């Protein structure tokens, strides 16, 4: 289990790979759409989600990570792919 908390723009930290991956995992976008938007486009989408207090990013990220840890994540490969994409998204914002 990961011990680092998913810090976000909401709590004064920078988004982590896990936070961005959880957002990507839950967005109603296909991987083809991720590719079309590219890292910079996805960075704008993810930033909008993180900025929305209704999304409750820390809680949602924790739930996705807990489901992964428990082996109950519906699409584990999608989360793995989201993590790879999240690294590119974070690099685009650096």
PDB file of N, CA and C in Angstrom:
ATOM      1  N   UNK A   1       0.837  -1.184   0.000  1.00  0.00           N
ATOM      2  CA  UNK A   1       0.000   0.000   0.000  1.00  0.00           C
ATOM      3  C   UNK A   1       0.875   1.238   0.000  1.00  0.00           C
ATOM      4  N   UNK A   2       0.467   2.227  -0.744  1.00  0.00           N
ATOM      5  CA  UNK A   2       1.239   3.458  -0.793  1.00  0.00           C
ATOM      6  C   UNK A   2       1.034   4.237   0.501  1.00  0.00           C
ATOM      7  N   UNK A   3       2.114   4.820   0.976  1.00  0.00           N
ATOM      8  CA  UNK A   3       2.005   5.581   2.217  1.00  0.00           C
ATOM      9  C   UNK A   3       1.984   7.072   1.960  1.00  0.00           C
ATOM     10  N   UNK A   4       2.356   7.502   0.749  1.00  0.00           N
ATOM     11  CA  UNK A   4       2.327   8.932   0.469  1.00  0.00           C
ATOM     12  C   UNK A   4       0.890   9.352   0.185  1.00  0.00           C
ATOM     13  N   UNK A   5       0.491  10.470   0.754  1.00  0.00           N
ATOM     14  CA  UNK A   5      -0.881  10.925   0.535  1.00  0.00           C
ATOM     15  C   UNK A   5      -0.976  11.591  -0.827  1.00  0.00           C
ATOM     16  N   UNK A   6      -2.120  11.489  -1.476  1.00  0.00           N
ATOM     17  CA  UNK A   6      -2.293  12.117  -2.782  1.00  0.00           C
ATOM     18  C   UNK A   6      -2.485  13.619  -2.637  1.00  0.00           C
ATOM     19  N   UNK A   7      -1.394  14.349  -2.667  1.00  0.00           N
ATOM     20  CA  UNK A   7      -1.491  15.807  -2.534  1.00  0.00           C
ATOM     21  C   UNK A   7      -1.981  16.390  -3.843  1.00  0.00           C
ATOM     22  N   UNK A   8      -2.706  17.467  -3.739  1.00  0.00           N
ATOM     23  CA  UNK A   8      -3.280  18.102  -4.916  1.00  0.00           C
ATOM     24  C   UNK A   8      -3.184  19.604  -4.774  1.00  0.00           C
ATOM     25  N   UNK A   9      -3.593  20.289  -5.829  1.00  0.00           N
ATOM     26  CA  UNK A   9      -3.630  21.742  -5.784  1.00  0.00           C
ATOM     27  C   UNK A   9      -4.587  22.229  -4.696  1.00  0.00           C
ATOM     28  N   UNK A  10      -5.538  21.390  -4.298  1.00  0.00           N
ATOM     29  CA  UNK A  10      -6.510  21.786  -3.284  1.00  0.00           C
ATOM     30  C   UNK A  10      -5.894  21.899  -1.896  1.00  0.00           C
ATOM     31  N   UNK A  11      -4.851  21.124  -1.617  1.00  0.00           N
ATOM     32  CA  UNK A  11      -4.269  21.170  -0.284  1.00  0.00           C
ATOM     33  C   UNK A  11      -2.872  21.775  -0.299  1.00  0.00           C
ATOM     34  N   UNK A  12      -2.558  22.520  -1.342  1.00  0.00           N
ATOM     35  CA  UNK A  12      -1.310  23.245  -1.391  1.00  0.00           C
ATOM     36  C   UNK A  12      -0.150  22.485  -2.009  1.00  0.00           C
ATOM     37  N   UNK A  13      -0.353  21.256  -2.421  1.00  0.00           N
ATOM     38  CA  UNK A  13       0.718  20.484  -3.026  1.00  0.00           C
ATOM     39  C   UNK A  13       0.546  20.385  -4.523  1.00  0.00           C
ATOM     40  N   UNK A  14       1.535  19.842  -5.161  1.00  0.00           N
ATOM     41  CA  UNK A  14       1.447  19.578  -6.589  1.00  0.00           C
ATOM     42  C   UNK A  14       0.805  18.213  -6.790  1.00  0.00           C
ATOM     43  N   UNK A  15       0.063  18.055  -7.878  1.00  0.00           N
ATOM     44  CA  UNK A  15      -0.541  16.747  -8.133  1.00  0.00           C
ATOM     45  C   UNK A  15       0.539  15.665  -8.281  1.00  0.00           C
ATOM     46  N   UNK A  16       0.254  14.487  -7.789  1.00  0.00           N
ATOM     47  CA  UNK A  16       1.162  13.354  -7.919  1.00  0.00           C
ATOM     48  C   UNK A  16       0.765  12.523  -9.128  1.00  0.00           C
ATOM     49  N   UNK A  17       1.612  11.590  -9.495  1.00  0.00           N
ATOM     50  CA  UNK A  17       1.282  10.660 -10.572  1.00  0.00           C
ATOM     51  C   UNK A  17      -0.008   9.924 -10.228  1.00  0.00           C
ATOM     52  N   UNK A  18      -0.139   9.482  -8.980  1.00  0.00           N
ATOM     53  CA  UNK A  18      -1.352   8.753  -8.580  1.00  0.00           C
ATOM     54  C   UNK A  18      -2.601   9.619  -8.694  1.00  0.00           C
ATOM     55  N   UNK A  19      -2.498  10.889  -8.328  1.00  0.00           N
ATOM     56  CA  UNK A  19      -3.656  11.781  -8.417  1.00  0.00           C
ATOM     57  C   UNK A  19      -4.075  11.968  -9.871  1.00  0.00           C
ATOM     58  N   UNK A  20      -3.109  12.290 -10.726  1.00  0.00           N
ATOM     59  CA  UNK A  20      -3.421  12.488 -12.147  1.00  0.00           C
ATOM     60  C   UNK A  20      -3.932  11.187 -12.760  1.00  0.00           C
ATOM     61  N   UNK A  21      -3.319  10.070 -12.403  1.00  0.00           N
ATOM     62  CA  UNK A  21      -3.768   8.776 -12.934  1.00  0.00           C
ATOM     63  C   UNK A  21      -5.195   8.463 -12.501  1.00  0.00           C
ATOM     64  N   UNK A  22      -5.540   8.749 -11.254  1.00  0.00           N
ATOM     65  CA  UNK A  22      -6.901   8.499 -10.779  1.00  0.00           C
ATOM     66  C   UNK A  22      -7.903   9.350 -11.546  1.00  0.00           C
ATOM     67  N   UNK A  23      -7.557  10.615 -11.789  1.00  0.00           N
ATOM     68  CA  UNK A  23      -8.446  11.487 -12.562  1.00  0.00           C
ATOM     69  C   UNK A  23      -8.609  10.940 -13.975  1.00  0.00           C
ATOM     70  N   UNK A  24      -7.495  10.576 -14.616  1.00  0.00           N
ATOM     71  CA  UNK A  24      -7.581  10.027 -15.972  1.00  0.00           C
ATOM     72  C   UNK A  24      -8.401   8.745 -15.992  1.00  0.00           C
ATOM     73  N   UNK A  25      -8.191   7.897 -15.009  1.00  0.00           N
ATOM     74  CA  UNK A  25      -8.910   6.626 -14.919  1.00  0.00           C
ATOM     75  C   UNK A  25     -10.422   6.857 -14.861  1.00  0.00           C
ATOM     76  N   UNK A  26     -10.840   7.874 -14.150  1.00  0.00           N
ATOM     77  CA  UNK A  26     -12.270   8.118 -13.942  1.00  0.00           C
ATOM     78  C   UNK A  26     -12.922   8.987 -15.013  1.00  0.00           C
ATOM     79  N   UNK A  27     -12.118   9.694 -15.798  1.00  0.00           N
ATOM     80  CA  UNK A  27     -12.703  10.522 -16.853  1.00  0.00           C
ATOM     81  C   UNK A  27     -13.371   9.640 -17.907  1.00  0.00           C
ATOM     82  N   UNK A  28     -14.444  10.132 -18.504  1.00  0.00           N
ATOM     83  CA  UNK A  28     -15.130   9.338 -19.531  1.00  0.00           C
ATOM     84  C   UNK A  28     -14.458   9.468 -20.900  1.00  0.00           C
ATOM     85  N   UNK A  29     -13.121   9.401 -20.919  1.00  0.00           N
ATOM     86  CA  UNK A  29     -12.359   9.499 -22.161  1.00  0.00           C
ATOM     87  C   UNK A  29     -11.721   8.152 -22.455  1.00  0.00           C
ATOM     88  N   UNK A  30     -11.616   7.836 -23.722  1.00  0.00           N
ATOM     89  CA  UNK A  30     -10.907   6.626 -24.132  1.00  0.00           C
ATOM     90  C   UNK A  30      -9.418   6.939 -24.237  1.00  0.00           C
ATOM     91  N   UNK A  31      -8.626   5.889 -24.335  1.00  0.00           N
ATOM     92  CA  UNK A  31      -7.194   6.097 -24.507  1.00  0.00           C
ATOM     93  C   UNK A  31      -6.907   6.781 -25.843  1.00  0.00           C
ATOM     94  N   UNK A  32      -7.736   6.540 -26.847  1.00  0.00           N
ATOM     95  CA  UNK A  32      -7.580   7.229 -28.132  1.00  0.00           C
ATOM     96  C   UNK A  32      -7.789   8.734 -27.947  1.00  0.00           C
ATOM     97  N   UNK A  33      -8.739   9.097 -27.106  1.00  0.00           N
ATOM     98  CA  UNK A  33      -8.958  10.512 -26.819  1.00  0.00           C
ATOM     99  C   UNK A  33      -7.784  11.095 -26.034  1.00  0.00           C
ATOM    100  N   UNK A  34      -7.234  10.313 -25.104  1.00  0.00           N
ATOM    101  CA  UNK A  34      -6.034  10.771 -24.394  1.00  0.00           C
ATOM    102  C   UNK A  34      -4.945  11.103 -25.407  1.00  0.00           C
ATOM    103  N   UNK A  35      -4.755  10.219 -26.360  1.00  0.00           N
ATOM    104  CA  UNK A  35      -3.712  10.397 -27.354  1.00  0.00           C
ATOM    105  C   UNK A  35      -3.973  11.647 -28.197  1.00  0.00           C
ATOM    106  N   UNK A  36      -5.218  11.833 -28.633  1.00  0.00           N
ATOM    107  CA  UNK A  36      -5.561  12.998 -29.450  1.00  0.00           C
ATOM    108  C   UNK A  36      -5.347  14.293 -28.686  1.00  0.00           C
ATOM    109  N   UNK A  37      -5.714  14.325 -27.412  1.00  0.00           N
ATOM    110  CA  UNK A  37      -5.539  15.541 -26.620  1.00  0.00           C
ATOM    111  C   UNK A  37      -4.071  15.820 -26.337  1.00  0.00           C
ATOM    112  N   UNK A  38      -3.291  14.768 -26.192  1.00  0.00           N
ATOM    113  CA  UNK A  38      -1.872  14.930 -25.888  1.00  0.00           C
ATOM    114  C   UNK A  38      -1.668  15.365 -24.446  1.00  0.00           C
ATOM    115  N   UNK A  39      -0.421  15.323 -23.994  1.00  0.00           N
ATOM    116  CA  UNK A  39      -0.139  15.672 -22.601  1.00  0.00           C
ATOM    117  C   UNK A  39      -0.583  17.080 -22.208  1.00  0.00           C
ATOM    118  N   UNK A  40      -0.355  18.059 -23.080  1.00  0.00           N
ATOM    119  CA  UNK A  40      -0.736  19.440 -22.733  1.00  0.00           C
ATOM    120  C   UNK A  40      -2.254  19.590 -22.633  1.00  0.00           C
ATOM    121  N   UNK A  41      -2.979  18.974 -23.561  1.00  0.00           N
ATOM    122  CA  UNK A  41      -4.442  19.036 -23.510  1.00  0.00           C
ATOM    123  C   UNK A  41      -4.995  18.322 -22.295  1.00  0.00           C
ATOM    124  N   UNK A  42      -4.436  17.152 -21.997  1.00  0.00           N
ATOM    125  CA  UNK A  42      -4.874  16.421 -20.805  1.00  0.00           C
ATOM    126  C   UNK A  42      -4.528  17.197 -19.541  1.00  0.00           C
ATOM    127  N   UNK A  43      -3.400  17.885 -19.540  1.00  0.00           N
ATOM    128  CA  UNK A  43      -3.024  18.684 -18.369  1.00  0.00           C
ATOM    129  C   UNK A  43      -4.093  19.742 -18.082  1.00  0.00           C
ATOM    130  N   UNK A  44      -4.633  20.364 -19.127  1.00  0.00           N
ATOM    131  CA  UNK A  44      -5.690  21.369 -18.929  1.00  0.00           C
ATOM    132  C   UNK A  44      -6.961  20.720 -18.368  1.00  0.00           C
ATOM    133  N   UNK A  45      -7.314  19.552 -18.903  1.00  0.00           N
ATOM    134  CA  UNK A  45      -8.513  18.847 -18.423  1.00  0.00           C
ATOM    135  C   UNK A  45      -8.334  18.443 -16.964  1.00  0.00           C
ATOM    136  N   UNK A  46      -7.204  17.838 -16.650  1.00  0.00           N
ATOM    137  CA  UNK A  46      -6.943  17.379 -15.284  1.00  0.00           C
ATOM    138  C   UNK A  46      -6.902  18.566 -14.322  1.00  0.00           C
ATOM    139  N   UNK A  47      -6.291  19.662 -14.731  1.00  0.00           N
ATOM    140  CA  UNK A  47      -6.242  20.855 -13.870  1.00  0.00           C
ATOM    141  C   UNK A  47      -7.651  21.357 -13.565  1.00  0.00           C
ATOM    142  N   UNK A  48      -8.532  21.310 -14.564  1.00  0.00           N
ATOM    143  CA  UNK A  48      -9.914  21.729 -14.332  1.00  0.00           C
ATOM    144  C   UNK A  48     -10.630  20.828 -13.347  1.00  0.00           C
ATOM    145  N   UNK A  49     -10.398  19.538 -13.442  1.00  0.00           N
ATOM    146  CA  UNK A  49     -11.014  18.588 -12.512  1.00  0.00           C
ATOM    147  C   UNK A  49     -10.474  18.811 -11.105  1.00  0.00           C
ATOM    148  N   UNK A  50      -9.162  18.957 -10.993  1.00  0.00           N
ATOM    149  CA  UNK A  50      -8.547  19.150  -9.684  1.00  0.00           C
ATOM    150  C   UNK A  50      -9.031  20.446  -9.037  1.00  0.00           C
ATOM    151  N   UNK A  51      -9.265  21.457  -9.850  1.00  0.00           N
ATOM    152  CA  UNK A  51      -9.723  22.747  -9.317  1.00  0.00           C
ATOM    153  C   UNK A  51     -11.188  22.719  -8.881  1.00  0.00           C
ATOM    154  N   UNK A  52     -11.942  21.736  -9.316  1.00  0.00           N
ATOM    155  CA  UNK A  52     -13.364  21.646  -8.995  1.00  0.00           C
ATOM    156  C   UNK A  52     -13.549  20.973  -7.634  1.00  0.00           C
ATOM    157  N   UNK A  53     -13.994  21.716  -6.622  1.00  0.00           N
ATOM    158  CA  UNK A  53     -14.144  21.124  -5.291  1.00  0.00           C
ATOM    159  C   UNK A  53     -15.207  20.022  -5.238  1.00  0.00           C
ATOM    160  N   UNK A  54     -16.113  19.987  -6.185  1.00  0.00           N
ATOM    161  CA  UNK A  54     -17.134  18.943  -6.197  1.00  0.00           C
ATOM    162  C   UNK A  54     -16.547  17.570  -6.524  1.00  0.00           C
ATOM    163  N   UNK A  55     -15.386  17.538  -7.189  1.00  0.00           N
ATOM    164  CA  UNK A  55     -14.783  16.263  -7.545  1.00  0.00           C
ATOM    165  C   UNK A  55     -14.138  15.577  -6.345  1.00  0.00           C
ATOM    166  N   UNK A  56     -13.770  16.333  -5.328  1.00  0.00           N
ATOM    167  CA  UNK A  56     -13.181  15.786  -4.094  1.00  0.00           C
ATOM    168  C   UNK A  56     -11.986  14.889  -4.409  1.00  0.00           C
ATOM    169  N   UNK A  57     -11.001  15.485  -5.049  1.00  0.00           N
ATOM    170  CA  UNK A  57      -9.832  14.767  -5.560  1.00  0.00           C
ATOM    171  C   UNK A  57      -9.130  13.899  -4.518  1.00  0.00           C
ATOM    172  N   UNK A  58      -8.840  14.374  -3.317  1.00  0.00           N
ATOM    173  CA  UNK A  58      -8.145  13.497  -2.362  1.00  0.00           C
ATOM    174  C   UNK A  58      -8.926  12.220  -2.046  1.00  0.00           C
ATOM    175  N   UNK A  59     -10.228  12.358  -1.843  1.00  0.00           N
ATOM    176  CA  UNK A  59     -11.043  11.193  -1.512  1.00  0.00           C
ATOM    177  C   UNK A  59     -11.150  10.225  -2.689  1.00  0.00           C
ATOM    178  N   UNK A  60     -11.364  10.767  -3.874  1.00  0.00           N
ATOM    179  CA  UNK A  60     -11.509   9.929  -5.058  1.00  0.00           C
ATOM    180  C   UNK A  60     -10.198   9.203  -5.357  1.00  0.00           C
ATOM    181  N   UNK A  61      -9.082   9.905  -5.224  1.00  0.00           N
ATOM    182  CA  UNK A  61      -7.779   9.271  -5.439  1.00  0.00           C
ATOM    183  C   UNK A  61      -7.573   8.146  -4.433  1.00  0.00           C
ATOM    184  N   UNK A  62      -7.888   8.400  -3.182  1.00  0.00           N
ATOM    185  CA  UNK A  62      -7.741   7.373  -2.143  1.00  0.00           C
ATOM    186  C   UNK A  62      -8.622   6.161  -2.444  1.00  0.00           C
ATOM    187  N   UNK A  63      -9.829   6.388  -2.939  1.00  0.00           N
ATOM    188  CA  UNK A  63     -10.721   5.273  -3.273  1.00  0.00           C
ATOM    189  C   UNK A  63     -10.178   4.437  -4.429  1.00  0.00           C
ATOM    190  N   UNK A  64      -9.650   5.090  -5.451  1.00  0.00           N
ATOM    191  CA  UNK A  64      -9.079   4.354  -6.583  1.00  0.00           C
ATOM    192  C   UNK A  64      -7.883   3.527  -6.113  1.00  0.00           C
ATOM    193  N   UNK A  65      -7.010   4.139  -5.305  1.00  0.00           N
ATOM    194  CA  UNK A  65      -5.831   3.415  -4.811  1.00  0.00           C
ATOM    195  C   UNK A  65      -6.219   2.268  -3.880  1.00  0.00           C
ATOM    196  N   UNK A  66      -7.250   2.470  -3.064  1.00  0.00           N
ATOM    197  CA  UNK A  66      -7.711   1.400  -2.171  1.00  0.00           C
ATOM    198  C   UNK A  66      -8.292   0.241  -2.978  1.00  0.00           C
ATOM    199  N   UNK A  67      -9.052   0.548  -4.010  1.00  0.00           N
ATOM    200  CA  UNK A  67      -9.604  -0.510  -4.869  1.00  0.00           C
ATOM    201  C   UNK A  67      -8.484  -1.270  -5.564  1.00  0.00           C
ATOM    202  N   UNK A  68      -7.457  -0.553  -5.986  1.00  0.00           N
ATOM    203  CA  UNK A  68      -6.311  -1.220  -6.606  1.00  0.00           C
ATOM    204  C   UNK A  68      -5.634  -2.152  -5.601  1.00  0.00           C
ATOM    205  N   UNK A  69      -5.402  -1.656  -4.405  1.00  0.00           N
ATOM    206  CA  UNK A  69      -4.740  -2.443  -3.365  1.00  0.00           C
ATOM    207  C   UNK A  69      -5.555  -3.686  -3.000  1.00  0.00           C
ATOM    208  N   UNK A  70      -6.860  -3.540  -2.968  1.00  0.00           N
ATOM    209  CA  UNK A  70      -7.737  -4.648  -2.596  1.00  0.00           C
ATOM    210  C   UNK A  70      -7.975  -5.624  -3.751  1.00  0.00           C
ATOM    211  N   UNK A  71      -7.527  -5.257  -4.941  1.00  0.00           N
ATOM    212  CA  UNK A  71      -7.741  -6.123  -6.095  1.00  0.00           C
ATOM    213  C   UNK A  71      -9.141  -6.044  -6.661  1.00  0.00           C
ATOM    214  N   UNK A  72      -9.854  -4.974  -6.350  1.00  0.00           N
ATOM    215  CA  UNK A  72     -11.235  -4.844  -6.819  1.00  0.00           C
ATOM    216  C   UNK A  72     -11.408  -3.751  -7.873  1.00  0.00           C
ATOM    217  N   UNK A  73     -10.310  -3.242  -8.379  1.00  0.00           N
ATOM    218  CA  UNK A  73     -10.368  -2.217  -9.415  1.00  0.00           C
ATOM    219  C   UNK A  73     -10.937  -2.844 -10.686  1.00  0.00           C
ATOM    220  N   UNK A  74     -11.910  -2.196 -11.287  1.00  0.00           N
ATOM    221  CA  UNK A  74     -12.585  -2.773 -12.452  1.00  0.00           C
ATOM    222  C   UNK A  74     -11.645  -2.953 -13.646  1.00  0.00           C
ATOM    223  N   UNK A  75     -10.793  -1.984 -13.886  1.00  0.00           N
ATOM    224  CA  UNK A  75      -9.915  -2.015 -15.063  1.00  0.00           C
ATOM    225  C   UNK A  75      -8.470  -1.713 -14.648  1.00  0.00           C
ATOM    226  N   UNK A  76      -7.789  -2.681 -14.046  1.00  0.00           N
ATOM    227  CA  UNK A  76      -6.432  -2.414 -13.546  1.00  0.00           C
ATOM    228  C   UNK A  76      -5.450  -1.997 -14.642  1.00  0.00           C
ATOM    229  N   UNK A  77      -5.583  -2.550 -15.835  1.00  0.00           N
ATOM    230  CA  UNK A  77      -4.661  -2.163 -16.907  1.00  0.00           C
ATOM    231  C   UNK A  77      -4.878  -0.709 -17.315  1.00  0.00           C
ATOM    232  N   UNK A  78      -6.118  -0.250 -17.259  1.00  0.00           N
ATOM    233  CA  UNK A  78      -6.394   1.152 -17.570  1.00  0.00           C
ATOM    234  C   UNK A  78      -5.699   2.058 -16.562  1.00  0.00           C
ATOM    235  N   UNK A  79      -5.691   1.692 -15.291  1.00  0.00           N
ATOM    236  CA  UNK A  79      -4.988   2.509 -14.300  1.00  0.00           C
ATOM    237  C   UNK A  79      -3.481   2.489 -14.560  1.00  0.00           C
ATOM    238  N   UNK A  80      -2.938   1.346 -14.931  1.00  0.00           N
ATOM    239  CA  UNK A  80      -1.514   1.287 -15.276  1.00  0.00           C
ATOM    240  C   UNK A  80      -1.207   2.203 -16.459  1.00  0.00           C
ATOM    241  N   UNK A  81      -2.056   2.171 -17.472  1.00  0.00           N
ATOM    242  CA  UNK A  81      -1.878   3.045 -18.632  1.00  0.00           C
ATOM    243  C   UNK A  81      -2.047   4.510 -18.231  1.00  0.00           C
ATOM    244  N   UNK A  82      -2.978   4.763 -17.327  1.00  0.00           N
ATOM    245  CA  UNK A  82      -3.184   6.131 -16.847  1.00  0.00           C
ATOM    246  C   UNK A  82      -1.948   6.644 -16.111  1.00  0.00           C
ATOM    247  N   UNK A  83      -1.280   5.773 -15.372  1.00  0.00           N
ATOM    248  CA  UNK A  83      -0.047   6.191 -14.681  1.00  0.00           C
ATOM    249  C   UNK A  83       1.050   6.590 -15.677  1.00  0.00           C
ATOM    250  N   UNK A  84       1.181   5.813 -16.749  1.00  0.00           N
ATOM    251  CA  UNK A  84       2.172   6.163 -17.774  1.00  0.00           C
ATOM    252  C   UNK A  84       1.831   7.511 -18.411  1.00  0.00           C
ATOM    253  N   UNK A  85       0.568   7.706 -18.712  1.00  0.00           N
ATOM    254  CA  UNK A  85       0.122   8.960 -19.301  1.00  0.00           C
ATOM    255  C   UNK A  85       0.264  10.099 -18.306  1.00  0.00           C
ATOM    256  N   UNK A  86      -0.005   9.837 -17.030  1.00  0.00           N
ATOM    257  CA  UNK A  86       0.108  10.872 -15.998  1.00  0.00           C
ATOM    258  C   UNK A  86       1.524  11.425 -15.926  1.00  0.00           C
ATOM    259  N   UNK A  87       2.515  10.569 -16.082  1.00  0.00           N
ATOM    260  CA  UNK A  87       3.907  11.043 -16.069  1.00  0.00           C
ATOM    261  C   UNK A  87       4.141  12.036 -17.214  1.00  0.00           C
ATOM    262  N   UNK A  88       3.571  11.754 -18.366  1.00  0.00           N
ATOM    263  CA  UNK A  88       3.715  12.673 -19.517  1.00  0.00           C
ATOM    264  C   UNK A  88       2.962  13.975 -19.269  1.00  0.00           C
ATOM    265  N   UNK A  89       1.784  13.860 -18.654  1.00  0.00           N
ATOM    266  CA  UNK A  89       0.991  15.050 -18.341  1.00  0.00           C
ATOM    267  C   UNK A  89       1.752  15.939 -17.357  1.00  0.00           C
ATOM    268  N   UNK A  90       2.304  15.345 -16.317  1.00  0.00           N
ATOM    269  CA  UNK A  90       3.069  16.137 -15.339  1.00  0.00           C
ATOM    270  C   UNK A  90       4.316  16.756 -15.971  1.00  0.00           C
ATOM    271  N   UNK A  91       4.957  16.024 -16.858  1.00  0.00           N
ATOM    272  CA  UNK A  91       6.141  16.571 -17.538  1.00  0.00           C
ATOM    273  C   UNK A  91       5.750  17.757 -18.416  1.00  0.00           C
ATOM    274  N   UNK A  92       4.556  17.713 -18.986  1.00  0.00           N
ATOM    275  CA  UNK A  92       4.092  18.811 -19.848  1.00  0.00           C
ATOM    276  C   UNK A  92       3.825  20.083 -19.045  1.00  0.00           C
ATOM    277  N   UNK A  93       3.592  19.937 -17.762  1.00  0.00           N
ATOM    278  CA  UNK A  93       3.300  21.106 -16.934  1.00  0.00           C
ATOM    279  C   UNK A  93       4.525  21.594 -16.172  1.00  0.00           C
ATOM    280  N   UNK A  94       5.623  20.884 -16.294  1.00  0.00           N
ATOM    281  CA  UNK A  94       6.840  21.253 -15.546  1.00  0.00           C
ATOM    282  C   UNK A  94       7.545  22.429 -16.180  1.00  0.00           C
TER     283      UNK A  94
END
